[in-house]
Amino acid sequence: MKKTTIMTAVLIAALASGIQAATEKPNIVLIYMDDLGWKDIGCAGSTFYKTPNIDRLAAQGIRFTRSYAAAPLCAPSRGAVLTGKFPARTKYTSISGGGSDDSLWTQSKALGVGNTCIEAKDRHVVPSTETVFAEQLQEAGYKTCFLGKWHCGSKSGYAPQDRGYDEVHAFFPKRDGGLYPHYLTQSDVDQMVGLPKAKPGDYLSEIMTDQACEFMGKQAKDGKPFLLHLCHYLVHGPVVPKKGLPEQYAERLKTIKTDQDNCDYASMVESMDDSVGQIMDQLEKLGMLENTLVIFTADNGGLTWKEVTSNYPLMGGKSFSHEGAYRVPFIANWRGRIEPGQINDTRVIGTDLYPTLLQAACLPPNPEQHMDGLSLMGEFTKGKEGLCLPERPLYFHHPHYTHASSPHSVIIDDGFKLVRYYNDEEGAYALFNLEEDPGEQIDLCDTNPETVQQLAKKLDAFLDGVDAERPIRSDSAEGRRTLELHAQGKNKGWSKKYKDHTKIINKKTEREFAMKERAVQEAKIAAGKK
């Protein structure tokens, strides 16, 4: 209770401190990437990918080195940004976005020999009861635009045009199959809603960036403050580069040997960087840089299980319980307001965006909505009149099977990280000291039982407090009933595609998979040093 009171006081005090001195509301540009790894940009350590524009954005602003997505994959992470609430609280916890109402669905993707739990129920939309941040900005007089991947509900009442965005260019593929192609043939264009007609050779990120620049140009003429929420499909798979770029990276590989060596992916990263550069050039051309807050971040860590990228020295990647799944880049830039060249190691999370944007827009906080976020404006202006965030526990809840990952919950507090695995014997945990072991190599459960007990108690209290949906044991009465309903074809939303999947996915197998990836990454690094 005391810690909560302190954090609330910090939030209100930061607002009252006059960080936003001007009465004019600033413009807000939120650039949100898909599957971008923690070190997939030059300023974070990549020596292979070329990101001069993003590096310049960081050099002229602030970069957070310990920024977390609220979930290890796309949909729930996006929902957390929109609502300011952890996925466990909204129950929007899995890959979805195509639901038509707020109801909970039952599904399980990994029944079979050795798998002892059934996935938790979850929502397939951001609940209609939530007020997303765009609605508050819209009510305050902002012209709002959403561009790109939504993934939080496409039916009436849940699409971006129903959630506070005046202008929408959200693309929903109508056909089954591949995920959001980054390349465009005419047939691809015809299958997506909201795209203009494309010419041969057009590339999706370029079309989206042109639309973003056109929107900003219109607002410069109208004189109204604006929110541009640009959600690129880059750098999500399929890994399809713009023509001509992979050959350049193949040449680059002759002199640079590193754990990041996918030339197609590197080309997509470059296209992402080009987009950021074009956005910043447009703001400068329009004379808006002094009155625009630009934030660059991502929905989850980089994809590693297909050797797309490497998050080394962090363990794992997208969907895992490890740091490589949750850690993402985070850069903020505001000429004249954010001191250039700041590198900040405060732990921040995607839910912090909601109160941050409200405060930047001179709006009062709405703590009943953004219950799991704190404004970062004090961190942006640390050393001036800004106030710094207190240390606080971060909670993550992914009660689903995804790729090679097991259903899990996580608490990070006071430098320690505790992972609770559900598809194991009762009480299966992993404990890491992130200050000394950010790569999660040494499990401290056996040597620090008191810490395990303390963090487990906190984690359970949080999950109980938000009424989180949890996986159920398949041998329990509820589990047997769920399986019976499925056999009768009466289980709403059950994923039949995976019903006979017998692969065991638990703490041990997830760890083994991540360690195999790490061995490949370390071998590449060692080869580069020879």
Protein backbone atom coordinates (compact mmCIF):
# COMPACT_ATOMS: atom_id res chain seq x y z
CA MET A 1 0.00 0.00 0.00
CA LYS A 2 2.85 2.36 0.90
CA LYS A 3 4.64 1.74 -2.42
CA THR A 4 1.41 2.35 -4.37
CA THR A 5 0.84 5.64 -2.52
CA ILE A 6 4.38 6.78 -3.29
CA MET A 7 4.04 5.97 -6.99
CA THR A 8 0.72 7.82 -7.21
CA ALA A 9 2.27 10.82 -5.48
CA VAL A 10 5.18 10.80 -7.91
CA LEU A 11 2.81 10.76 -10.87
CA ILE A 12 0.73 13.68 -9.59
CA ALA A 13 3.77 15.65 -8.45
CA ALA A 14 5.40 15.24 -11.86
CA LEU A 15 2.31 16.66 -13.50
CA ALA A 16 2.20 19.59 -11.11
CA SER A 17 5.89 20.36 -11.57
CA GLY A 18 5.25 22.05 -14.88
CA ILE A 19 7.32 19.78 -17.09
CA GLN A 20 5.17 20.86 -20.00
CA ALA A 21 5.66 24.59 -19.62
CA ALA A 22 4.08 25.71 -22.86
CA THR A 23 0.32 26.07 -23.05
CA GLU A 24 0.33 24.82 -26.62
CA LYS A 25 -0.42 21.11 -26.84
CA PRO A 26 2.42 19.22 -28.54
CA ASN A 27 2.03 16.81 -31.41
CA ILE A 28 2.66 13.16 -30.61
CA VAL A 29 4.21 10.60 -32.96
CA LEU A 30 4.29 7.01 -31.69
CA ILE A 31 6.27 4.70 -33.98
CA TYR A 32 5.60 1.11 -32.97
CA MET A 33 7.55 -1.73 -34.54
CA ASP A 34 6.71 -5.43 -34.79
CA ASP A 35 9.12 -8.10 -33.45
CA LEU A 36 12.06 -5.69 -33.17
CA GLY A 37 14.82 -7.13 -31.01
CA TRP A 38 16.42 -5.39 -28.04
CA LYS A 39 19.74 -4.90 -29.89
CA ASP A 40 18.47 -4.69 -33.48
CA ILE A 41 19.56 -1.05 -33.73
CA GLY A 42 23.06 0.33 -33.91
CA CYS A 43 22.91 2.45 -30.77
CA ALA A 44 21.91 -0.66 -28.77
CA GLY A 45 24.83 -2.73 -29.99
CA SER A 46 24.17 -4.07 -33.48
CA THR A 47 27.22 -3.87 -35.71
CA PHE A 48 25.55 -5.49 -38.73
CA TYR A 49 22.22 -3.72 -39.11
CA LYS A 50 22.38 -0.14 -40.39
CA THR A 51 20.12 2.27 -38.48
CA PRO A 52 21.62 5.78 -38.77
CA ASN A 53 18.28 7.57 -38.46
CA ILE A 54 17.21 5.71 -35.34
CA ASP A 55 20.68 6.15 -33.85
CA ARG A 56 20.38 9.90 -34.49
CA LEU A 57 16.92 9.92 -32.87
CA ALA A 58 18.48 8.38 -29.75
CA ALA A 59 21.55 10.65 -29.79
CA GLN A 60 19.26 13.68 -29.88
CA GLY A 61 16.95 12.34 -27.16
CA ILE A 62 16.80 9.59 -24.54
CA ARG A 63 17.22 5.82 -24.89
CA PHE A 64 16.03 3.39 -22.23
CA THR A 65 18.24 0.32 -21.91
CA ARG A 66 15.80 -1.68 -19.77
CA SER A 67 12.49 -1.18 -21.51
CA TYR A 68 9.97 -4.00 -21.36
CA ALA A 69 7.02 -4.92 -23.53
CA ALA A 70 4.03 -5.87 -21.38
CA ALA A 71 3.80 -9.26 -23.12
CA PRO A 72 6.16 -11.56 -25.04
CA LEU A 73 4.16 -11.25 -28.26
CA CYS A 74 2.17 -8.79 -30.30
CA ALA A 75 -1.56 -8.59 -29.53
CA PRO A 76 -1.51 -8.43 -25.71
CA SER A 77 1.44 -6.06 -25.76
CA ARG A 78 -0.46 -3.68 -28.05
CA GLY A 79 -3.55 -3.94 -25.88
CA ALA A 80 -1.48 -3.00 -22.83
CA VAL A 81 -0.17 0.13 -24.57
CA LEU A 82 -3.70 1.16 -25.57
CA THR A 83 -5.19 0.65 -22.11
CA GLY A 84 -2.35 1.26 -19.66
CA LYS A 85 -3.15 -2.10 -18.06
CA PHE A 86 -1.25 -5.35 -17.83
CA PRO A 87 -2.72 -8.13 -20.02
CA ALA A 88 -3.54 -10.18 -16.91
CA ARG A 89 -5.92 -7.42 -15.86
CA THR A 90 -7.76 -7.07 -19.19
CA LYS A 91 -7.50 -10.82 -19.94
CA TYR A 92 -6.28 -9.98 -23.44
CA THR A 93 -3.30 -12.30 -23.17
CA SER A 94 -2.81 -14.25 -26.41
CA ILE A 95 -2.35 -13.85 -30.16
CA SER A 96 -5.77 -12.83 -31.39
CA GLY A 97 -7.48 -9.60 -32.33
CA GLY A 98 -10.29 -11.04 -34.43
CA GLY A 99 -13.00 -11.33 -31.81
CA SER A 100 -16.46 -9.82 -32.01
CA ASP A 101 -17.30 -9.33 -28.32
CA ASP A 102 -15.77 -9.12 -24.83
CA SER A 103 -16.39 -12.74 -23.90
CA LEU A 104 -13.71 -15.18 -22.76
CA TRP A 105 -12.74 -18.04 -25.06
CA THR A 106 -11.39 -21.46 -24.21
CA GLN A 107 -8.61 -22.88 -26.33
CA SER A 108 -5.54 -25.05 -26.07
CA LYS A 109 -2.79 -25.55 -28.60
CA ALA A 110 -0.72 -28.26 -26.99
CA LEU A 111 -2.73 -31.13 -25.59
CA GLY A 112 -1.01 -34.48 -25.58
CA VAL A 113 1.37 -36.75 -23.81
CA GLY A 114 3.35 -34.93 -21.12
CA ASN A 115 1.40 -31.67 -21.23
CA THR A 116 -0.38 -31.36 -17.93
CA CYS A 117 -2.25 -28.07 -18.29
CA ILE A 118 -4.84 -26.49 -20.54
CA GLU A 119 -4.37 -22.89 -21.60
CA ALA A 120 -6.19 -20.13 -19.75
CA LYS A 121 -9.29 -18.52 -21.17
CA ASP A 122 -8.68 -15.16 -22.83
CA ARG A 123 -10.39 -12.34 -24.67
CA HIS A 124 -9.97 -11.89 -28.41
CA VAL A 125 -10.37 -8.12 -28.33
CA VAL A 126 -9.37 -5.19 -26.16
CA PRO A 127 -12.52 -4.98 -24.02
CA SER A 128 -15.08 -2.37 -25.00
CA THR A 129 -15.14 -1.16 -21.39
CA GLU A 130 -11.61 0.22 -21.72
CA THR A 131 -10.91 3.83 -22.68
CA VAL A 132 -7.83 3.77 -24.91
CA PHE A 133 -5.41 6.70 -24.85
CA ALA A 134 -6.42 7.92 -28.32
CA GLU A 135 -9.96 8.53 -27.09
CA GLN A 136 -8.70 10.86 -24.38
CA LEU A 137 -6.48 12.75 -26.79
CA GLN A 138 -9.32 12.99 -29.29
CA GLU A 139 -11.62 14.44 -26.63
CA ALA A 140 -8.92 16.99 -25.80
CA GLY A 141 -8.93 18.32 -29.35
CA TYR A 142 -6.26 16.19 -30.99
CA LYS A 143 -6.61 15.05 -34.58
CA THR A 144 -5.80 11.36 -34.35
CA CYS A 145 -4.53 8.95 -36.99
CA PHE A 146 -3.88 5.23 -36.83
CA LEU A 147 -1.74 3.63 -39.50
CA GLY A 148 -0.80 -0.03 -39.86
CA LYS A 149 -1.17 -3.16 -37.76
CA TRP A 150 -3.99 -2.96 -35.19
CA HIS A 151 -4.41 -6.54 -33.89
CA CYS A 152 -6.85 -5.52 -31.12
CA GLY A 153 -10.24 -6.21 -32.71
CA SER A 154 -11.50 -5.67 -36.25
CA LYS A 155 -15.27 -5.95 -35.76
CA SER A 156 -17.57 -2.97 -35.28
CA GLY A 157 -16.94 -1.35 -31.92
CA TYR A 158 -13.39 -2.69 -31.66
CA ALA A 159 -11.66 -1.37 -34.79
CA PRO A 160 -9.44 1.74 -34.51
CA GLN A 161 -12.10 4.02 -35.97
CA ASP A 162 -14.24 3.05 -32.97
CA ARG A 163 -11.45 3.60 -30.44
CA GLY A 164 -10.62 7.27 -30.80
CA TYR A 165 -8.93 7.57 -34.19
CA ASP A 166 -10.28 10.12 -36.69
CA GLU A 167 -8.29 8.89 -39.65
CA VAL A 168 -7.56 5.20 -40.08
CA HIS A 169 -5.39 3.29 -42.50
CA ALA A 170 -5.48 -0.07 -40.74
CA PHE A 171 -4.88 -3.08 -42.89
CA PHE A 172 -6.65 -6.35 -42.21
CA PRO A 173 -5.71 -9.20 -44.56
CA LYS A 174 -8.91 -10.82 -45.81
CA ARG A 175 -7.33 -14.09 -46.75
CA ASP A 176 -5.92 -16.84 -44.59
CA GLY A 177 -2.26 -17.70 -44.79
CA GLY A 178 0.88 -15.58 -44.50
CA LEU A 179 1.25 -12.89 -41.88
CA TYR A 180 0.99 -9.31 -43.11
CA PRO A 181 3.28 -9.29 -46.15
CA HIS A 182 5.78 -6.44 -46.26
CA TYR A 183 6.14 -6.68 -50.00
CA LEU A 184 3.30 -5.74 -52.30
CA THR A 185 2.07 -7.31 -55.48
CA GLN A 186 -1.26 -6.15 -56.81
CA SER A 187 -2.94 -9.29 -55.50
CA ASP A 188 -1.65 -8.50 -52.01
CA VAL A 189 -3.04 -4.97 -52.21
CA ASP A 190 -6.43 -6.24 -53.27
CA GLN A 191 -6.55 -8.46 -50.19
CA MET A 192 -5.95 -5.63 -47.70
CA VAL A 193 -8.34 -2.91 -46.59
CA GLY A 194 -7.28 0.73 -46.55
CA LEU A 195 -4.32 0.56 -48.93
CA PRO A 196 -4.09 2.70 -52.04
CA LYS A 197 -3.44 1.04 -55.36
CA ALA A 198 0.19 0.03 -55.59
CA LYS A 199 2.66 0.16 -58.41
CA PRO A 200 4.99 -2.75 -59.21
CA GLY A 201 7.89 -2.76 -56.80
CA ASP A 202 6.09 -0.78 -54.07
CA TYR A 203 6.98 -1.73 -50.52
CA LEU A 204 4.42 -1.61 -47.72
CA SER A 205 6.47 0.36 -45.20
CA GLU A 206 7.12 3.05 -47.79
CA ILE A 207 3.42 3.43 -48.59
CA MET A 208 2.60 3.64 -44.89
CA THR A 209 5.29 6.25 -44.31
CA ASP A 210 4.05 8.34 -47.23
CA GLN A 211 0.55 8.24 -45.73
CA ALA A 212 1.94 9.30 -42.35
CA CYS A 213 3.78 12.24 -43.87
CA GLU A 214 0.68 13.27 -45.79
CA PHE A 215 -1.33 13.24 -42.55
CA MET A 216 1.24 15.43 -40.77
CA GLY A 217 1.27 17.83 -43.69
CA LYS A 218 -2.50 18.26 -43.50
CA GLN A 219 -2.35 18.95 -39.78
CA ALA A 220 0.36 21.57 -40.27
CA LYS A 221 -2.11 23.49 -42.45
CA ASP A 222 -5.03 22.99 -40.06
CA GLY A 223 -3.02 24.04 -37.00
CA LYS A 224 -4.49 21.39 -34.69
CA PRO A 225 -2.33 19.19 -32.46
CA PHE A 226 -2.18 15.64 -33.72
CA LEU A 227 -1.51 12.08 -32.66
CA LEU A 228 0.14 9.88 -35.28
CA HIS A 229 0.14 6.24 -34.19
CA LEU A 230 2.24 4.44 -36.79
CA CYS A 231 2.34 0.66 -36.31
CA HIS A 232 4.63 -0.87 -38.90
CA TYR A 233 4.41 -4.50 -39.97
CA LEU A 234 8.18 -4.47 -40.13
CA VAL A 235 10.11 -6.45 -39.01
CA HIS A 236 7.64 -9.31 -38.54
CA GLY A 237 7.91 -12.35 -40.78
CA PRO A 238 7.68 -13.38 -43.51
CA VAL A 239 11.19 -12.01 -43.90
CA VAL A 240 10.75 -10.32 -47.26
CA PRO A 241 13.24 -7.53 -48.05
CA LYS A 242 13.04 -4.71 -50.51
CA LYS A 243 14.77 -5.70 -53.73
CA GLY A 244 18.43 -4.83 -54.01
CA LEU A 245 19.21 -4.53 -50.31
CA PRO A 246 20.15 -8.13 -49.35
CA GLU A 247 23.05 -8.13 -51.81
CA GLN A 248 24.54 -5.13 -50.03
CA TYR A 249 24.40 -6.97 -46.71
CA ALA A 250 25.92 -10.07 -48.24
CA GLU A 251 28.93 -7.90 -49.09
CA ARG A 252 28.88 -6.53 -45.56
CA LEU A 253 29.11 -10.06 -44.16
CA LYS A 254 32.49 -10.46 -45.80
CA THR A 255 33.99 -8.00 -43.31
CA ILE A 256 31.59 -8.22 -40.34
CA LYS A 257 31.09 -11.53 -38.54
CA THR A 258 28.46 -11.43 -35.83
CA ASP A 259 25.55 -13.36 -34.32
CA GLN A 260 23.24 -11.16 -36.42
CA ASP A 261 23.79 -12.29 -39.99
CA ASN A 262 20.41 -12.61 -41.75
CA CYS A 263 20.76 -10.37 -44.82
CA ASP A 264 17.05 -10.35 -45.61
CA TYR A 265 16.17 -9.32 -42.07
CA ALA A 266 18.91 -6.68 -42.08
CA SER A 267 17.31 -5.24 -45.21
CA MET A 268 13.96 -4.99 -43.44
CA VAL A 269 15.64 -3.23 -40.50
CA GLU A 270 17.10 -0.72 -42.97
CA SER A 271 13.65 -0.10 -44.46
CA MET A 272 12.37 0.53 -40.93
CA ASP A 273 15.17 3.03 -40.36
CA ASP A 274 14.39 4.77 -43.66
CA SER A 275 10.82 5.25 -42.46
CA VAL A 276 11.97 6.87 -39.22
CA GLY A 277 14.26 9.16 -41.18
CA GLN A 278 11.45 10.22 -43.52
CA ILE A 279 9.14 10.95 -40.57
CA MET A 280 11.76 13.13 -38.88
CA ASP A 281 12.59 14.91 -42.14
CA GLN A 282 8.91 15.74 -42.62
CA LEU A 283 8.62 17.12 -39.09
CA GLU A 284 11.68 19.30 -39.66
CA LYS A 285 10.36 20.48 -43.03
CA LEU A 286 7.07 21.45 -41.38
CA GLY A 287 8.87 23.23 -38.53
CA MET A 288 7.33 20.89 -35.94
CA LEU A 289 10.32 19.31 -34.20
CA GLU A 290 10.22 21.72 -31.24
CA ASN A 291 6.57 20.90 -30.60
CA THR A 292 6.47 17.15 -31.27
CA LEU A 293 7.18 14.27 -28.93
CA VAL A 294 8.43 11.28 -30.94
CA ILE A 295 8.53 7.85 -29.31
CA PHE A 296 10.02 4.76 -30.95
CA THR A 297 9.49 1.30 -29.47
CA ALA A 298 8.23 -2.23 -30.24
CA ASP A 299 5.66 -4.83 -29.23
CA ASN A 300 8.03 -7.65 -28.17
CA GLY A 301 11.54 -8.96 -28.54
CA GLY A 302 13.14 -10.23 -31.73
CA LEU A 303 12.28 -13.59 -33.25
CA THR A 304 15.13 -16.01 -32.64
CA TRP A 305 13.73 -19.49 -33.09
CA LYS A 306 14.09 -19.30 -36.87
CA GLU A 307 17.50 -17.58 -36.66
CA VAL A 308 15.91 -14.37 -37.86
CA THR A 309 17.86 -12.23 -35.40
CA SER A 310 19.78 -12.52 -32.13
CA ASN A 311 19.07 -10.88 -28.79
CA TYR A 312 22.37 -12.08 -27.29
CA PRO A 313 23.48 -11.71 -24.52
CA LEU A 314 19.83 -11.90 -23.51
CA MET A 315 18.28 -15.36 -23.54
CA GLY A 316 15.51 -16.35 -25.96
CA GLY A 317 13.22 -14.28 -28.11
CA LYS A 318 9.59 -13.63 -28.98
CA SER A 319 7.04 -15.63 -26.93
CA PHE A 320 9.58 -17.08 -24.45
CA SER A 321 9.66 -16.43 -20.71
CA HIS A 322 13.20 -15.05 -21.05
CA GLU A 323 14.44 -11.46 -21.27
CA GLY A 324 14.91 -11.65 -25.04
CA ALA A 325 11.13 -11.92 -25.40
CA TYR A 326 10.26 -8.96 -23.19
CA ARG A 327 13.05 -6.42 -23.67
CA VAL A 328 12.53 -3.91 -26.50
CA PRO A 329 14.08 -0.67 -27.74
CA PHE A 330 12.58 2.56 -26.38
CA ILE A 331 13.63 6.02 -27.57
CA ALA A 332 12.00 9.39 -26.92
CA ASN A 333 12.87 12.61 -28.75
CA TRP A 334 11.54 16.13 -28.24
CA ARG A 335 13.79 18.95 -29.39
CA GLY A 336 14.28 21.54 -26.67
CA ARG A 337 12.44 19.51 -24.03
CA ILE A 338 14.40 16.25 -23.78
CA GLU A 339 18.11 16.69 -23.17
CA PRO A 340 20.10 15.00 -25.98
CA GLY A 341 22.34 12.01 -25.43
CA GLN A 342 20.62 10.50 -22.39
CA ILE A 343 20.94 6.78 -21.69
CA ASN A 344 18.58 5.68 -18.93
CA ASP A 345 18.65 2.29 -17.20
CA THR A 346 15.36 2.70 -15.30
CA ARG A 347 13.00 -0.23 -15.84
CA VAL A 348 10.05 1.00 -17.89
CA ILE A 349 7.20 -0.88 -19.55
CA GLY A 350 4.69 -0.44 -22.38
CA THR A 351 1.85 0.45 -20.00
CA ASP A 352 3.79 3.61 -19.10
CA LEU A 353 3.01 5.10 -22.50
CA TYR A 354 -0.61 5.94 -21.66
CA PRO A 355 0.07 8.28 -18.69
CA THR A 356 3.18 9.63 -20.43
CA LEU A 357 1.17 10.75 -23.45
CA LEU A 358 -1.53 12.28 -21.25
CA GLN A 359 1.02 14.32 -19.34
CA ALA A 360 2.82 15.36 -22.53
CA ALA A 361 -0.53 16.62 -23.84
CA CYS A 362 -1.10 18.70 -20.66
CA LEU A 363 -3.94 16.38 -19.60
CA PRO A 364 -4.53 15.14 -16.04
CA PRO A 365 -3.71 11.54 -15.23
CA ASN A 366 -6.45 8.93 -15.33
CA PRO A 367 -5.11 6.39 -12.81
CA GLU A 368 -8.33 4.38 -12.76
CA GLN A 369 -7.65 3.57 -16.42
CA HIS A 370 -3.86 3.37 -16.70
CA MET A 371 -3.62 1.38 -13.47
CA ASP A 372 -0.35 -0.33 -14.41
CA GLY A 373 1.54 2.59 -15.92
CA LEU A 374 3.46 5.63 -14.68
CA SER A 375 4.34 8.76 -16.64
CA LEU A 376 7.91 8.85 -17.94
CA MET A 377 7.99 12.61 -18.37
CA GLY A 378 10.10 12.96 -15.23
CA GLU A 379 12.61 10.46 -16.64
CA PHE A 380 12.67 12.35 -19.94
CA THR A 381 13.69 15.56 -18.16
CA LYS A 382 15.83 14.10 -15.36
CA GLY A 383 18.40 16.68 -14.34
CA LYS A 384 15.98 19.51 -15.07
CA GLU A 385 12.72 19.87 -13.15
CA GLY A 386 11.77 16.25 -13.73
CA LEU A 387 11.10 13.65 -11.06
CA CYS A 388 12.40 10.10 -11.30
CA LEU A 389 10.35 6.93 -11.12
CA PRO A 390 10.57 4.75 -8.04
CA GLU A 391 11.54 1.12 -8.43
CA ARG A 392 8.40 -1.01 -8.70
CA PRO A 393 7.52 -4.63 -9.43
CA LEU A 394 6.68 -5.50 -13.03
CA TYR A 395 4.25 -8.34 -13.74
CA PHE A 396 3.83 -10.46 -16.85
CA HIS A 397 1.26 -13.18 -17.51
CA HIS A 398 1.34 -15.40 -20.58
CA PRO A 399 -0.82 -18.45 -19.75
CA HIS A 400 -0.54 -19.95 -23.24
CA TYR A 401 1.55 -22.27 -25.39
CA THR A 402 3.27 -20.31 -28.16
CA HIS A 403 5.96 -21.63 -30.50
CA ALA A 404 8.38 -23.37 -28.12
CA SER A 405 7.34 -21.50 -24.98
CA SER A 406 5.41 -22.74 -21.98
CA PRO A 407 2.53 -21.03 -20.14
CA HIS A 408 4.13 -18.79 -17.53
CA SER A 409 3.86 -15.78 -15.25
CA VAL A 410 6.71 -13.47 -14.24
CA ILE A 411 7.53 -10.92 -11.55
CA ILE A 412 10.58 -8.64 -11.72
CA ASP A 413 11.29 -6.89 -8.44
CA ASP A 414 14.35 -5.52 -6.66
CA GLY A 415 16.70 -6.87 -9.34
CA PHE A 416 15.32 -10.42 -9.25
CA LYS A 417 13.16 -12.18 -11.80
CA LEU A 418 10.92 -15.09 -10.84
CA VAL A 419 9.23 -17.20 -13.53
CA ARG A 420 6.31 -19.48 -12.65
CA TYR A 421 5.84 -22.36 -15.13
CA TYR A 422 2.42 -24.00 -15.30
CA ASN A 423 3.00 -27.06 -17.50
CA ASP A 424 5.14 -28.74 -14.84
CA GLU A 425 4.77 -30.10 -11.36
CA GLU A 426 3.13 -27.69 -8.94
CA GLY A 427 5.50 -24.91 -7.91
CA ALA A 428 7.93 -25.02 -10.83
CA TYR A 429 9.94 -21.77 -10.75
CA ALA A 430 13.10 -20.23 -12.12
CA LEU A 431 14.87 -17.37 -10.32
CA PHE A 432 17.49 -15.04 -11.80
CA ASN A 433 19.44 -12.05 -10.53
CA LEU A 434 19.10 -9.70 -13.50
CA GLU A 435 21.63 -7.23 -12.08
CA GLU A 436 24.40 -9.82 -12.13
CA ASP A 437 23.04 -12.26 -14.71
CA PRO A 438 20.92 -10.49 -17.37
CA GLY A 439 21.45 -13.48 -19.66
CA GLU A 440 19.61 -15.74 -17.18
CA GLN A 441 22.29 -18.40 -17.05
CA ILE A 442 22.14 -19.27 -13.34
CA ASP A 443 18.86 -20.45 -11.79
CA LEU A 444 18.98 -19.45 -8.12
CA CYS A 445 15.91 -21.34 -6.91
CA ASP A 446 17.90 -23.88 -4.88
CA THR A 447 20.23 -21.35 -3.26
CA ASN A 448 17.66 -18.58 -2.62
CA PRO A 449 14.48 -20.33 -1.45
CA GLU A 450 13.40 -17.36 0.68
CA THR A 451 13.52 -15.02 -2.32
CA VAL A 452 11.50 -17.52 -4.35
CA GLN A 453 8.90 -17.69 -1.61
CA GLN A 454 8.67 -13.90 -1.23
CA LEU A 455 8.36 -13.21 -4.96
CA ALA A 456 5.94 -16.09 -5.49
CA LYS A 457 3.71 -14.63 -2.79
CA LYS A 458 3.78 -11.22 -4.49
CA LEU A 459 3.09 -12.75 -7.89
CA ASP A 460 0.14 -14.76 -6.63
CA ALA A 461 -1.25 -11.70 -4.83
CA PHE A 462 -1.10 -9.71 -8.05
CA LEU A 463 -2.75 -12.44 -10.14
CA ASP A 464 -5.46 -12.89 -7.53
CA GLY A 465 -5.95 -9.13 -7.27
CA VAL A 466 -6.63 -8.71 -10.99
CA ASP A 467 -8.66 -11.93 -11.18
CA ALA A 468 -6.27 -13.30 -13.80
CA GLU A 469 -7.26 -16.32 -15.85
CA ARG A 470 -4.82 -19.16 -15.24
CA PRO A 471 -4.14 -22.47 -16.98
CA ILE A 472 -5.99 -25.43 -15.49
CA ARG A 473 -4.64 -28.88 -14.80
CA SER A 474 -5.92 -31.34 -17.38
CA ASP A 475 -6.35 -33.97 -14.66
CA SER A 476 -8.54 -31.68 -12.51
CA ALA A 477 -12.33 -31.83 -12.51
CA GLU A 478 -12.51 -28.62 -14.57
CA GLY A 479 -9.83 -29.91 -16.92
CA ARG A 480 -11.62 -33.20 -17.52
CA ARG A 481 -14.87 -31.31 -18.16
CA THR A 482 -13.13 -29.01 -20.63
CA LEU A 483 -11.72 -31.99 -22.53
CA GLU A 484 -15.14 -33.65 -22.54
CA LEU A 485 -16.77 -30.54 -24.02
CA HIS A 486 -14.06 -30.40 -26.65
CA ALA A 487 -14.64 -34.03 -27.59
CA GLN A 488 -18.32 -33.17 -28.04
CA GLY A 489 -17.47 -30.15 -30.20
CA LYS A 490 -19.04 -27.74 -27.68
CA ASN A 491 -15.98 -25.76 -26.63
CA LYS A 492 -16.21 -22.21 -27.96
CA GLY A 493 -13.02 -21.10 -29.64
CA TRP A 494 -11.08 -24.32 -29.22
CA SER A 495 -8.17 -24.45 -31.62
CA LYS A 496 -8.66 -27.74 -33.46
CA LYS A 497 -5.51 -27.20 -35.49
CA TYR A 498 -3.34 -28.21 -32.53
CA LYS A 499 -5.59 -30.66 -30.73
CA ASP A 500 -3.35 -33.66 -31.41
CA HIS A 501 -0.06 -31.86 -30.79
CA THR A 502 2.00 -34.14 -28.52
CA LYS A 503 5.17 -32.08 -28.12
CA ILE A 504 5.97 -31.43 -24.47
CA ILE A 505 6.42 -27.71 -23.80
CA ASN A 506 7.45 -26.92 -20.22
CA LYS A 507 10.25 -25.27 -18.24
CA LYS A 508 12.82 -27.91 -19.18
CA THR A 509 12.09 -28.06 -22.92
CA GLU A 510 11.78 -24.28 -23.26
CA ARG A 511 15.12 -23.84 -21.54
CA GLU A 512 16.75 -26.47 -23.74
CA PHE A 513 15.43 -24.77 -26.87
CA ALA A 514 16.69 -21.35 -25.76
CA MET A 515 20.10 -22.79 -24.82
CA LYS A 516 20.47 -24.37 -28.28
CA GLU A 517 19.78 -20.96 -29.82
CA ARG A 518 22.32 -19.37 -27.52
CA ALA A 519 24.97 -21.93 -28.46
CA VAL A 520 24.51 -21.03 -32.14
CA GLN A 521 24.78 -17.32 -31.33
CA GLU A 522 27.93 -17.81 -29.25
CA ALA A 523 29.53 -19.89 -31.99
CA LYS A 524 28.92 -17.08 -34.50
CA ILE A 525 30.40 -14.52 -32.13
CA ALA A 526 33.46 -16.70 -31.53
CA ALA A 527 33.95 -17.17 -35.29
CA GLY A 528 33.86 -13.41 -35.75
CA LYS A 529 36.69 -12.91 -33.27
CA LYS A 530 39.10 -15.19 -35.13
